[in-house]
Amino acid sequence: MLSENLKNLRKAKGLSQEELAARLHVVRQTVSKWEKGLSYT
């Protein structure tokens, strides 16, 4: 599932949700929602 893959890849790269969000130009809450499968946009 996308949410699981995103979380696993982020952790494998040693990134926090905050760091990933900054790289993708979104807020941390967006990354959290993606990882929980609540949103895909």
Protein backbone atom coordinates (compact mmCIF):
# COMPACT_ATOMS: atom_id res chain seq x y z
CA MET A 1 0.00 0.00 0.00
CA LEU A 2 1.23 3.51 -0.78
CA SER A 3 0.96 4.71 2.81
CA GLU A 4 3.13 1.85 4.12
CA ASN A 5 5.70 2.26 1.34
CA LEU A 6 6.00 5.98 1.97
CA LYS A 7 6.55 5.50 5.69
CA ASN A 8 9.06 2.69 5.20
CA LEU A 9 11.04 4.61 2.58
CA ARG A 10 11.08 7.78 4.68
CA LYS A 11 12.38 5.87 7.70
CA ALA A 12 14.95 4.00 5.58
CA LYS A 13 16.32 7.35 4.41
CA GLY A 14 16.44 8.58 8.00
CA LEU A 15 14.00 11.44 7.40
CA SER A 16 11.44 12.77 9.82
CA GLN A 17 7.98 13.71 8.62
CA GLU A 18 9.03 17.36 9.01
CA GLU A 19 12.13 16.88 6.84
CA LEU A 20 10.21 15.04 4.12
CA ALA A 21 7.49 17.68 4.17
CA ALA A 22 10.07 20.45 3.71
CA ARG A 23 11.60 18.63 0.72
CA LEU A 24 8.17 18.19 -0.87
CA HIS A 25 7.02 21.74 -0.02
CA VAL A 26 4.04 20.56 2.03
CA VAL A 27 3.24 20.76 5.74
CA ARG A 28 4.06 17.89 8.13
CA GLN A 29 0.38 17.13 8.65
CA THR A 30 0.07 16.30 4.95
CA VAL A 31 2.83 13.69 5.22
CA SER A 32 1.12 12.27 8.30
CA LYS A 33 -2.18 11.95 6.44
CA TRP A 34 -0.43 10.25 3.52
CA GLU A 35 1.20 7.76 5.87
CA LYS A 36 -2.11 7.01 7.58
CA GLY A 37 -3.85 6.54 4.24
CA LEU A 38 -6.23 9.43 4.89
CA SER A 39 -5.26 11.49 1.85
CA TYR A 40 -3.41 11.09 -1.44
CA THR A 41 -3.29 14.68 -2.63
